[in-house]
C-alpha cells in the first residue's frame, strides 16, 4: 500500500476494486511486512484474533523483517479497509502490500 500519496485516495480506490471484483462476504488475503520484533508481530496477529484467520509468518533472509500473510473471511470492503486502518494505527513501521 502506497500511503506516500493520499491514504484516503488509496482506500477509496481499494474499496471500488473490492466491490467490483468480489462477492461479499469473501476471503481476503492481507500481506504485511514488519520489523522482526515479537511485539509487532503479536500486535498484527492480535488485530485478527478470534476471526478464524489463517496466519503465516516468514522471516526475511537476514531476519530483519517478517512478512505476515493473513487469510480471513471478511463481510464487506469497508471491513477490509477497517482492518488496514487498524493495523496502520496500532503497529508502527508496518508496510501493507
C-alpha atoms as a PDB file:
ATOM      1  CA  UNK A   1       0.000   0.000   0.000  1.00  0.00           C
ATOM      2  CA  UNK A   2       1.484   3.287  -1.008  1.00  0.00           C
ATOM      3  CA  UNK A   3       0.447   5.809   1.604  1.00  0.00           C
ATOM      4  CA  UNK A   4       3.070   8.293   0.441  1.00  0.00           C
ATOM      5  CA  UNK A   5       0.323   9.923  -1.633  1.00  0.00           C
ATOM      6  CA  UNK A   6      -3.069  10.321  -0.007  1.00  0.00           C
ATOM      7  CA  UNK A   7      -4.223   7.381   2.138  1.00  0.00           C
ATOM      8  CA  UNK A   8      -7.876   8.361   1.612  1.00  0.00           C
ATOM      9  CA  UNK A   9      -7.429   8.120  -2.170  1.00  0.00           C
ATOM     10  CA  UNK A  10      -5.820   4.717  -1.747  1.00  0.00           C
ATOM     11  CA  UNK A  11      -8.675   3.421   0.427  1.00  0.00           C
ATOM     12  CA  UNK A  12     -11.337   4.800  -1.935  1.00  0.00           C
ATOM     13  CA  UNK A  13      -9.663   3.100  -4.908  1.00  0.00           C
ATOM     14  CA  UNK A  14      -9.260  -0.160  -2.963  1.00  0.00           C
ATOM     15  CA  UNK A  15     -12.926  -0.105  -1.919  1.00  0.00           C
ATOM     16  CA  UNK A  16     -14.052   0.307  -5.532  1.00  0.00           C
ATOM     17  CA  UNK A  17     -11.776  -2.528  -6.679  1.00  0.00           C
ATOM     18  CA  UNK A  18     -13.060  -4.817  -3.927  1.00  0.00           C
ATOM     19  CA  UNK A  19     -16.684  -4.001  -4.781  1.00  0.00           C
ATOM     20  CA  UNK A  20     -16.082  -4.647  -8.470  1.00  0.00           C
ATOM     21  CA  UNK A  21     -14.110  -7.893  -8.161  1.00  0.00           C
ATOM     22  CA  UNK A  22     -15.624  -9.870  -5.277  1.00  0.00           C
ATOM     23  CA  UNK A  23     -18.935 -11.100  -3.939  1.00  0.00           C
ATOM     24  CA  UNK A  24     -19.217 -10.387  -0.218  1.00  0.00           C
ATOM     25  CA  UNK A  25     -18.690 -11.898   2.295  1.00  0.00           C
ATOM     26  CA  UNK A  26     -15.443 -13.172   0.818  1.00  0.00           C
ATOM     27  CA  UNK A  27     -11.991 -14.494   1.704  1.00  0.00           C
ATOM     28  CA  UNK A  28      -9.367 -11.750   1.720  1.00  0.00           C
ATOM     29  CA  UNK A  29      -5.589 -12.085   1.884  1.00  0.00           C
ATOM     30  CA  UNK A  30      -3.759  -9.390   3.814  1.00  0.00           C
ATOM     31  CA  UNK A  31       0.004  -9.098   3.499  1.00  0.00           C
ATOM     32  CA  UNK A  32       2.105  -7.045   5.871  1.00  0.00           C
ATOM     33  CA  UNK A  33       5.820  -6.581   6.447  1.00  0.00           C
ATOM     34  CA  UNK A  34       7.045  -5.577   9.899  1.00  0.00           C
ATOM     35  CA  UNK A  35      10.456  -5.255  11.511  1.00  0.00           C
ATOM     36  CA  UNK A  36      11.201  -8.589  13.183  1.00  0.00           C
ATOM     37  CA  UNK A  37      10.174  -7.747  16.732  1.00  0.00           C
ATOM     38  CA  UNK A  38       7.909 -10.154  18.570  1.00  0.00           C
ATOM     39  CA  UNK A  39       5.648  -7.397  19.930  1.00  0.00           C
ATOM     40  CA  UNK A  40       4.978  -6.011  16.416  1.00  0.00           C
ATOM     41  CA  UNK A  41       4.156  -9.454  15.031  1.00  0.00           C
ATOM     42  CA  UNK A  42       1.888 -10.176  18.009  1.00  0.00           C
ATOM     43  CA  UNK A  43       0.087  -6.829  17.574  1.00  0.00           C
ATOM     44  CA  UNK A  44      -0.725  -7.610  13.941  1.00  0.00           C
ATOM     45  CA  UNK A  45      -1.839 -11.149  14.831  1.00  0.00           C
ATOM     46  CA  UNK A  46      -3.920  -9.806  17.720  1.00  0.00           C
ATOM     47  CA  UNK A  47      -5.879  -7.494  15.432  1.00  0.00           C
ATOM     48  CA  UNK A  48      -7.139 -10.571  13.572  1.00  0.00           C
ATOM     49  CA  UNK A  49      -7.627 -12.698  16.713  1.00  0.00           C
ATOM     50  CA  UNK A  50     -10.948 -14.586  17.070  1.00  0.00           C
ATOM     51  CA  UNK A  51     -11.840 -14.093  13.397  1.00  0.00           C
ATOM     52  CA  UNK A  52     -10.922 -17.569  12.158  1.00  0.00           C
ATOM     53  CA  UNK A  53      -7.923 -16.132  10.313  1.00  0.00           C
ATOM     54  CA  UNK A  54      -5.156 -18.318   8.940  1.00  0.00           C
ATOM     55  CA  UNK A  55      -1.913 -16.507   9.716  1.00  0.00           C
ATOM     56  CA  UNK A  56       1.512 -17.340   8.275  1.00  0.00           C
ATOM     57  CA  UNK A  57       4.764 -15.589   9.077  1.00  0.00           C
ATOM     58  CA  UNK A  58       8.112 -15.766   7.338  1.00  0.00           C
ATOM     59  CA  UNK A  59      11.340 -14.004   8.221  1.00  0.00           C
ATOM     60  CA  UNK A  60      13.471 -12.332   5.596  1.00  0.00           C
ATOM     61  CA  UNK A  61      16.790 -13.921   4.705  1.00  0.00           C
ATOM     62  CA  UNK A  62      18.713 -11.682   7.114  1.00  0.00           C
ATOM     63  CA  UNK A  63      15.962 -11.846   9.731  1.00  0.00           C
ATOM     64  CA  UNK A  64      15.471  -8.089   9.745  1.00  0.00           C
ATOM     65  CA  UNK A  65      11.838  -8.192   8.600  1.00  0.00           C
ATOM     66  CA  UNK A  66       8.953 -10.614   8.885  1.00  0.00           C
ATOM     67  CA  UNK A  67       6.182 -10.981   6.346  1.00  0.00           C
ATOM     68  CA  UNK A  68       2.750 -11.781   7.713  1.00  0.00           C
ATOM     69  CA  UNK A  69       0.066 -13.264   5.461  1.00  0.00           C
ATOM     70  CA  UNK A  70      -3.438 -13.359   6.864  1.00  0.00           C
ATOM     71  CA  UNK A  71      -6.268 -15.131   5.079  1.00  0.00           C
ATOM     72  CA  UNK A  72      -9.631 -14.300   6.624  1.00  0.00           C
ATOM     73  CA  UNK A  73     -13.297 -14.122   5.661  1.00  0.00           C
ATOM     74  CA  UNK A  74     -14.448 -10.500   5.630  1.00  0.00           C
ATOM     75  CA  UNK A  75     -18.051  -9.317   5.358  1.00  0.00           C
ATOM     76  CA  UNK A  76     -17.526  -6.340   3.011  1.00  0.00           C
ATOM     77  CA  UNK A  77     -14.955  -3.898   1.575  1.00  0.00           C
ATOM     78  CA  UNK A  78     -15.446  -1.499   4.498  1.00  0.00           C
ATOM     79  CA  UNK A  79     -14.446  -4.253   6.935  1.00  0.00           C
ATOM     80  CA  UNK A  80     -11.304  -4.962   4.858  1.00  0.00           C
ATOM     81  CA  UNK A  81     -10.320  -1.296   4.892  1.00  0.00           C
ATOM     82  CA  UNK A  82     -11.116  -1.024   8.600  1.00  0.00           C
ATOM     83  CA  UNK A  83      -8.530  -3.700   9.369  1.00  0.00           C
ATOM     84  CA  UNK A  84      -5.908  -1.956   7.222  1.00  0.00           C
ATOM     85  CA  UNK A  85      -6.553   1.269   9.135  1.00  0.00           C
ATOM     86  CA  UNK A  86      -6.385  -0.513  12.495  1.00  0.00           C
ATOM     87  CA  UNK A  87      -3.049  -2.156  11.668  1.00  0.00           C
ATOM     88  CA  UNK A  88      -1.590   1.124  10.368  1.00  0.00           C
ATOM     89  CA  UNK A  89      -2.750   2.923  13.517  1.00  0.00           C
ATOM     90  CA  UNK A  90      -1.566   0.337  16.061  1.00  0.00           C
ATOM     91  CA  UNK A  91       1.662  -1.065  14.562  1.00  0.00           C
ATOM     92  CA  UNK A  92       4.469   1.380  13.958  1.00  0.00           C
ATOM     93  CA  UNK A  93       6.676   0.661  10.945  1.00  0.00           C
ATOM     94  CA  UNK A  94       4.237  -1.738   9.249  1.00  0.00           C
ATOM     95  CA  UNK A  95       4.122  -1.925   5.454  1.00  0.00           C
ATOM     96  CA  UNK A  96       0.894  -3.182   3.906  1.00  0.00           C
ATOM     97  CA  UNK A  97       1.112  -4.801   0.494  1.00  0.00           C
END
